Amino acid sequence: MAIAVLAYYNPEKFICVDSGKNISADVIVILGGGSHERPLRAAELFKQHAAPRIIITGEGDDEINRELLIANGVPASVIEIENKSTTTQENAKFTIKLLRAEKIRSGILVTSWYHSRRALKTFAHYAPEIEFYSRPSYFAYATDEWKKLGINKRMRLEFLKLPGYWIRYGVNPF
């Protein structure tokens, strides 16, 4: 009960997972969605030498994200696209297939802060042999921006999706 109360009044402390600075991996994985803040965060991490390659996952905004990466200094030659997935579960399954084929051992997931727990737990669930880290974007992290930018609704939906993924796919959110 105490966890539910804490999560309700401080959702950013419950649904946001950040593995911390100085994390490096074999690849950065950008999940589709958000307000195009995700590729900007990935470009920042790439410039910090967090990983030598980037995979964009998700149908729809993959080309926009690719263009944003290139416009922010990421060479096109290090970008790979998985553009068939439409859900976080598909992002994980389809991207993990690529990671396994390329014998990738670690990846940094870049998504929105309110989506980071579910994304990290989903990828770890489907590929426990790969070490995943979370380095989310903090766009609209301040509580006074939530309603104005529509983050309030997206963030609250995460509280439904977390148990939904646990029930439907066995992805434990804890």
Protein backbone atom coordinates (compact mmCIF):
# COMPACT_ATOMS: atom_id res chain seq x y z
CA MET A 1 0.00 0.00 0.00
CA ALA A 2 2.83 2.41 0.88
CA ILE A 3 4.43 1.82 -2.53
CA ALA A 4 1.15 2.63 -4.28
CA VAL A 5 0.80 5.90 -2.34
CA LEU A 6 4.43 6.85 -3.03
CA ALA A 7 4.03 6.03 -6.73
CA TYR A 8 0.80 8.03 -7.00
CA TYR A 9 2.20 11.18 -5.41
CA ASN A 10 5.74 10.88 -6.80
CA PRO A 11 5.37 8.96 -10.05
CA GLU A 12 8.68 10.19 -11.43
CA LYS A 13 10.48 8.42 -8.56
CA PHE A 14 8.79 5.11 -9.38
CA ILE A 15 8.53 4.89 -13.16
CA CYS A 16 11.79 6.63 -14.08
CA VAL A 17 14.89 4.42 -14.10
CA ASP A 18 18.29 5.90 -14.90
CA SER A 19 21.36 3.66 -14.71
CA GLY A 20 23.55 6.68 -14.04
CA LYS A 21 26.40 8.50 -15.72
CA ASN A 22 29.52 6.86 -17.10
CA ILE A 23 27.64 3.85 -18.46
CA SER A 24 29.04 2.41 -21.65
CA ALA A 25 27.74 -0.40 -23.83
CA ASP A 26 28.00 -1.98 -27.26
CA VAL A 27 24.99 -0.13 -28.65
CA ILE A 28 22.44 2.58 -27.89
CA VAL A 29 18.82 1.58 -28.61
CA ILE A 30 16.32 4.39 -29.19
CA LEU A 31 12.69 3.40 -28.74
CA GLY A 32 10.16 5.09 -31.01
CA GLY A 33 7.65 7.56 -29.66
CA GLY A 34 7.96 10.59 -27.44
CA SER A 35 8.27 14.10 -28.78
CA HIS A 36 11.52 13.52 -30.69
CA GLU A 37 13.54 14.17 -27.54
CA ARG A 38 14.81 10.57 -27.59
CA PRO A 39 17.19 10.89 -30.57
CA LEU A 40 18.58 14.11 -29.08
CA ARG A 41 19.40 12.23 -25.87
CA ALA A 42 20.93 9.37 -27.87
CA ALA A 43 23.10 11.80 -29.87
CA GLU A 44 24.29 13.32 -26.58
CA LEU A 45 25.22 9.88 -25.25
CA PHE A 46 26.93 8.95 -28.52
CA LYS A 47 29.07 12.10 -28.33
CA GLN A 48 30.01 11.11 -24.77
CA HIS A 49 31.26 7.77 -26.21
CA ALA A 50 28.64 5.75 -24.33
CA ALA A 51 28.41 3.36 -27.33
CA PRO A 52 29.81 3.22 -30.87
CA ARG A 53 26.51 2.34 -32.60
CA ILE A 54 22.82 3.25 -32.46
CA ILE A 55 19.74 1.19 -33.30
CA ILE A 56 16.42 2.98 -33.81
CA THR A 57 13.48 0.72 -33.05
CA GLY A 58 9.86 1.40 -33.88
CA GLU A 59 7.69 1.95 -36.90
CA GLY A 60 6.60 5.45 -37.81
CA ASP A 61 9.15 7.95 -36.62
CA ASP A 62 12.27 5.95 -37.46
CA GLU A 63 13.32 8.18 -40.38
CA ILE A 64 12.66 11.37 -38.42
CA ASN A 65 14.75 10.00 -35.56
CA ARG A 66 17.51 9.05 -38.00
CA GLU A 67 17.54 12.56 -39.47
CA LEU A 68 17.62 14.10 -35.99
CA LEU A 69 20.58 11.90 -35.05
CA ILE A 70 22.48 12.90 -38.18
CA ALA A 71 21.62 16.59 -37.69
CA ASN A 72 23.06 16.27 -34.18
CA GLY A 73 26.41 14.87 -35.25
CA VAL A 74 25.88 11.11 -35.41
CA PRO A 75 27.37 9.56 -38.59
CA ALA A 76 24.81 7.73 -40.72
CA SER A 77 27.17 4.74 -40.91
CA VAL A 78 26.67 3.90 -37.21
CA ILE A 79 22.85 3.98 -37.33
CA GLU A 80 20.74 0.86 -37.85
CA ILE A 81 16.94 0.82 -38.08
CA GLU A 82 14.38 -1.74 -36.93
CA ASN A 83 11.10 -0.37 -38.27
CA LYS A 84 8.56 -3.16 -37.84
CA SER A 85 7.73 -2.87 -34.13
CA THR A 86 4.71 -0.94 -32.87
CA THR A 87 4.78 -1.69 -29.12
CA THR A 88 7.41 -1.80 -26.40
CA GLN A 89 7.16 -5.60 -26.36
CA GLU A 90 7.80 -5.71 -30.13
CA ASN A 91 10.62 -3.14 -29.77
CA ALA A 92 12.30 -5.59 -27.41
CA LYS A 93 11.65 -8.79 -29.35
CA PHE A 94 12.62 -7.44 -32.76
CA THR A 95 15.65 -5.51 -31.55
CA ILE A 96 16.90 -8.39 -29.42
CA LYS A 97 16.86 -10.57 -32.52
CA LEU A 98 19.30 -8.10 -34.14
CA LEU A 99 21.41 -7.86 -30.99
CA ARG A 100 21.76 -11.63 -30.71
CA ALA A 101 22.65 -11.99 -34.41
CA GLU A 102 25.40 -9.40 -33.92
CA LYS A 103 26.51 -10.96 -30.61
CA ILE A 104 25.85 -7.74 -28.70
CA ARG A 105 26.38 -8.12 -24.94
CA SER A 106 25.14 -4.75 -23.67
CA GLY A 107 22.81 -1.93 -24.66
CA ILE A 108 21.72 1.46 -23.42
CA LEU A 109 18.00 2.07 -23.81
CA VAL A 110 16.93 5.62 -24.60
CA THR A 111 13.29 6.46 -24.14
CA SER A 112 11.19 9.00 -22.25
CA TRP A 113 11.66 9.10 -18.48
CA TYR A 114 8.08 7.94 -17.83
CA HIS A 115 8.57 4.91 -20.11
CA SER A 116 12.01 3.88 -18.87
CA ARG A 117 11.00 1.30 -16.22
CA ARG A 118 8.72 -0.67 -18.53
CA ALA A 119 11.20 -0.50 -21.41
CA LEU A 120 14.13 -1.67 -19.28
CA LYS A 121 12.16 -4.46 -17.64
CA THR A 122 10.77 -5.63 -21.00
CA PHE A 123 14.17 -5.81 -22.71
CA ALA A 124 15.72 -7.56 -19.68
CA HIS A 125 12.81 -10.03 -19.59
CA TYR A 126 13.28 -11.12 -23.21
CA ALA A 127 17.09 -11.18 -23.17
CA PRO A 128 18.45 -11.87 -19.68
CA GLU A 129 21.86 -12.68 -21.19
CA ILE A 130 22.26 -9.10 -22.45
CA GLU A 131 23.04 -6.32 -19.97
CA PHE A 132 20.65 -3.41 -20.49
CA TYR A 133 20.98 0.07 -19.03
CA SER A 134 18.51 2.95 -19.05
CA ARG A 135 19.49 6.53 -19.87
CA PRO A 136 16.15 8.27 -20.46
CA SER A 137 15.36 11.69 -21.78
CA TYR A 138 14.16 14.10 -19.12
CA PHE A 139 11.94 16.15 -21.44
CA ALA A 140 8.96 17.44 -19.40
CA TYR A 141 10.28 15.94 -16.17
CA ALA A 142 9.23 18.96 -14.11
CA THR A 143 5.73 18.47 -12.66
CA ASP A 144 4.54 21.90 -13.83
CA GLU A 145 5.08 20.77 -17.45
CA TRP A 146 3.11 17.52 -17.22
CA LYS A 147 -0.38 18.80 -17.96
CA LYS A 148 0.66 21.48 -20.47
CA LEU A 149 2.67 19.01 -22.59
CA GLY A 150 0.35 16.01 -22.21
CA ILE A 151 2.88 14.08 -20.15
CA ASN A 152 0.42 13.70 -17.28
CA LYS A 153 -1.77 11.39 -19.35
CA ARG A 154 1.17 9.39 -20.77
CA MET A 155 2.73 9.05 -17.33
CA ARG A 156 -0.51 7.88 -15.73
CA LEU A 157 -1.00 5.32 -18.53
CA GLU A 158 2.30 3.77 -17.51
CA PHE A 159 0.72 2.82 -14.20
CA LEU A 160 -1.77 0.72 -16.19
CA LYS A 161 0.76 -0.64 -18.64
CA LEU A 162 3.22 -1.84 -15.99
CA PRO A 163 0.82 -4.39 -14.45
CA GLY A 164 -0.61 -5.06 -17.91
CA TYR A 165 2.80 -6.16 -19.17
CA TRP A 166 3.26 -8.27 -16.04
CA ILE A 167 -0.06 -10.05 -16.59
CA ARG A 168 0.14 -10.39 -20.38
CA TYR A 169 3.86 -11.01 -20.97
CA GLY A 170 5.27 -11.91 -17.55
CA VAL A 171 7.38 -8.74 -17.40
CA ASN A 172 7.86 -8.06 -13.68
CA PRO A 173 7.93 -4.27 -13.11
CA PHE A 174 9.88 -4.53 -9.84
